[in-house]
Amino acid sequence: MEIIKLHAAIVHFGIAMPFALLFMEVFYRVSKRQIDALFIGFSLLVSLSVILSTISGMISYEPIEDKLYQIPIFKIHKMLGLFIAVVFALLGLLAFLKKHALFSAVLVIGCVLMLIQGYLGGSVVYDHMVKPWLKAPTDPS
């Protein structure tokens, strides 16, 4: 199976995980729970899922790279994806080092960046690929 067919599932999982971690972070803060192995382990899993999302994106767009670079926002989407992978690698490190205050700030920033990235990715797929395909004349035969 081509990775491009799995990319959407990998990415949507990688988007959902940081928001689940954000909810977990809020719960830990509100309940005044100490950071434990579950929280650290989940944080590392979230970091890994975001990094794997970036890698799957890099692999999946390679066969259609020339077409994607014709889309004005694609380069921003690509660079932001790489930056987000670095942000979440840092997040995993902060969780491991138990730097909770800095961890919280980086998590919020990472989630905001994920929303922007999701919007850009949706625009690349739907505005520049699906909509033109839907508007294209169909072959009556």
Protein backbone atom coordinates (compact mmCIF):
# COMPACT_ATOMS: atom_id res chain seq x y z
CA MET A 1 0.00 0.00 0.00
CA GLU A 2 1.26 3.44 -0.86
CA ILE A 3 2.03 5.70 2.10
CA ILE A 4 -0.04 8.49 0.51
CA LYS A 5 -3.15 6.40 1.15
CA LEU A 6 -2.26 6.11 4.86
CA HIS A 7 -1.09 9.70 5.30
CA ALA A 8 -4.53 11.10 6.14
CA ALA A 9 -5.12 8.55 8.90
CA ILE A 10 -1.63 9.06 10.34
CA VAL A 11 -2.03 12.85 10.26
CA HIS A 12 -5.49 12.88 11.83
CA PHE A 13 -4.21 10.66 14.64
CA GLY A 14 -1.22 12.99 15.01
CA ILE A 15 -3.55 15.99 15.24
CA ALA A 16 -5.90 14.42 17.79
CA MET A 17 -3.17 13.26 20.14
CA PRO A 18 -1.82 16.72 21.11
CA PHE A 19 -5.34 17.92 21.91
CA ALA A 20 -5.93 14.83 24.06
CA LEU A 21 -2.67 15.67 25.83
CA LEU A 22 -3.85 19.26 26.29
CA PHE A 23 -7.02 18.00 27.97
CA MET A 24 -4.91 15.71 30.13
CA GLU A 25 -2.65 18.65 31.01
CA VAL A 26 -5.65 20.76 32.05
CA PHE A 27 -6.98 17.87 34.15
CA TYR A 28 -3.62 17.45 35.90
CA ARG A 29 -3.40 21.21 36.55
CA VAL A 30 -6.97 21.55 37.84
CA SER A 31 -6.75 18.46 40.04
CA LYS A 32 -3.25 19.47 41.19
CA ARG A 33 -1.92 16.01 40.32
CA GLN A 34 1.80 15.52 40.11
CA ILE A 35 3.28 14.53 36.78
CA ASP A 36 3.51 10.75 36.74
CA ALA A 37 4.74 8.00 34.43
CA LEU A 38 1.38 7.89 32.59
CA PHE A 39 1.58 11.59 31.75
CA ILE A 40 5.22 11.38 30.65
CA GLY A 41 4.58 8.23 28.61
CA PHE A 42 1.56 9.76 26.89
CA SER A 43 3.55 12.93 26.18
CA LEU A 44 6.28 10.88 24.52
CA LEU A 45 3.66 8.99 22.50
CA VAL A 46 2.16 12.31 21.37
CA SER A 47 5.59 13.59 20.33
CA LEU A 48 6.22 10.40 18.38
CA SER A 49 2.83 10.57 16.64
CA VAL A 50 3.42 14.15 15.49
CA ILE A 51 6.92 13.34 14.25
CA LEU A 52 5.58 10.29 12.37
CA SER A 53 2.86 12.49 10.84
CA THR A 54 5.55 14.81 9.50
CA ILE A 55 7.58 11.90 8.13
CA SER A 56 4.51 10.38 6.45
CA GLY A 57 3.77 13.76 4.87
CA MET A 58 7.30 14.03 3.51
CA ILE A 59 7.12 10.52 2.06
CA SER A 60 3.60 10.83 0.66
CA TYR A 61 4.02 14.13 -1.15
CA GLU A 62 7.22 13.09 -2.92
CA PRO A 63 5.48 11.45 -5.94
CA ILE A 64 3.36 14.56 -6.55
CA GLU A 65 5.85 17.17 -5.35
CA ASP A 66 5.91 19.14 -8.62
CA LYS A 67 2.13 19.55 -8.57
CA LEU A 68 2.08 20.51 -4.90
CA TYR A 69 4.64 23.27 -5.34
CA GLN A 70 2.24 24.91 -7.80
CA ILE A 71 -0.09 25.48 -4.83
CA PRO A 72 0.99 28.79 -3.24
CA ILE A 73 0.50 27.72 0.40
CA PHE A 74 2.16 24.32 0.07
CA LYS A 75 5.65 25.55 0.90
CA ILE A 76 4.33 27.20 4.08
CA HIS A 77 2.48 23.97 4.94
CA LYS A 78 5.67 21.95 4.44
CA MET A 79 7.89 24.29 6.50
CA LEU A 80 5.30 24.54 9.27
CA GLY A 81 5.09 20.74 9.40
CA LEU A 82 8.83 20.48 9.90
CA PHE A 83 8.74 23.18 12.57
CA ILE A 84 5.88 21.44 14.39
CA ALA A 85 7.88 18.20 14.44
CA VAL A 86 10.71 20.09 16.17
CA VAL A 87 8.27 21.70 18.62
CA PHE A 88 6.85 18.32 19.60
CA ALA A 89 10.30 16.74 19.86
CA LEU A 90 11.08 19.55 22.32
CA LEU A 91 7.79 18.83 24.09
CA GLY A 92 8.79 15.19 24.55
CA LEU A 93 12.13 16.27 25.97
CA LEU A 94 10.46 18.71 28.37
CA ALA A 95 8.08 15.97 29.55
CA PHE A 96 11.00 13.62 30.12
CA LEU A 97 12.92 16.32 32.03
CA LYS A 98 9.74 17.18 34.01
CA LYS A 99 9.88 20.89 33.12
CA HIS A 100 6.14 21.29 33.60
CA ALA A 101 5.73 25.08 33.29
CA LEU A 102 7.69 25.25 30.04
CA PHE A 103 6.01 22.04 28.87
CA SER A 104 2.57 23.66 29.26
CA ALA A 105 3.53 26.71 27.22
CA VAL A 106 5.07 24.63 24.43
CA LEU A 107 2.02 22.35 24.37
CA VAL A 108 -0.37 25.27 23.92
CA ILE A 109 1.82 26.75 21.17
CA GLY A 110 2.05 23.34 19.52
CA CYS A 111 -1.73 22.90 19.55
CA VAL A 112 -2.26 26.35 18.01
CA LEU A 113 0.29 25.52 15.32
CA MET A 114 -1.54 22.23 14.69
CA LEU A 115 -4.78 24.11 14.05
CA ILE A 116 -3.03 26.38 11.56
CA GLN A 117 -1.34 23.40 9.93
CA GLY A 118 -4.65 21.54 9.70
CA TYR A 119 -6.26 24.53 8.03
CA LEU A 120 -3.42 24.77 5.51
CA GLY A 121 -3.49 21.03 4.83
CA GLY A 122 -7.24 21.11 4.36
CA SER A 123 -6.86 23.98 1.94
CA VAL A 124 -4.19 22.12 -0.04
CA VAL A 125 -6.37 19.03 -0.35
CA TYR A 126 -9.85 20.47 -0.71
CA ASP A 127 -9.39 23.91 -2.28
CA HIS A 128 -6.63 22.92 -4.67
CA MET A 129 -7.28 19.23 -5.38
CA VAL A 130 -10.82 18.11 -4.58
CA LYS A 131 -12.75 21.23 -5.70
CA PRO A 132 -11.02 21.40 -9.12
CA TRP A 133 -11.63 17.67 -9.54
CA LEU A 134 -15.32 18.11 -8.71
CA LYS A 135 -15.64 21.03 -11.12
CA ALA A 136 -13.90 19.18 -13.96
CA PRO A 137 -16.20 18.00 -16.71
CA THR A 138 -17.03 14.32 -16.45
CA ASP A 139 -16.54 11.87 -19.28
CA PRO A 140 -20.05 10.79 -20.40
CA SER A 141 -18.87 7.42 -21.72
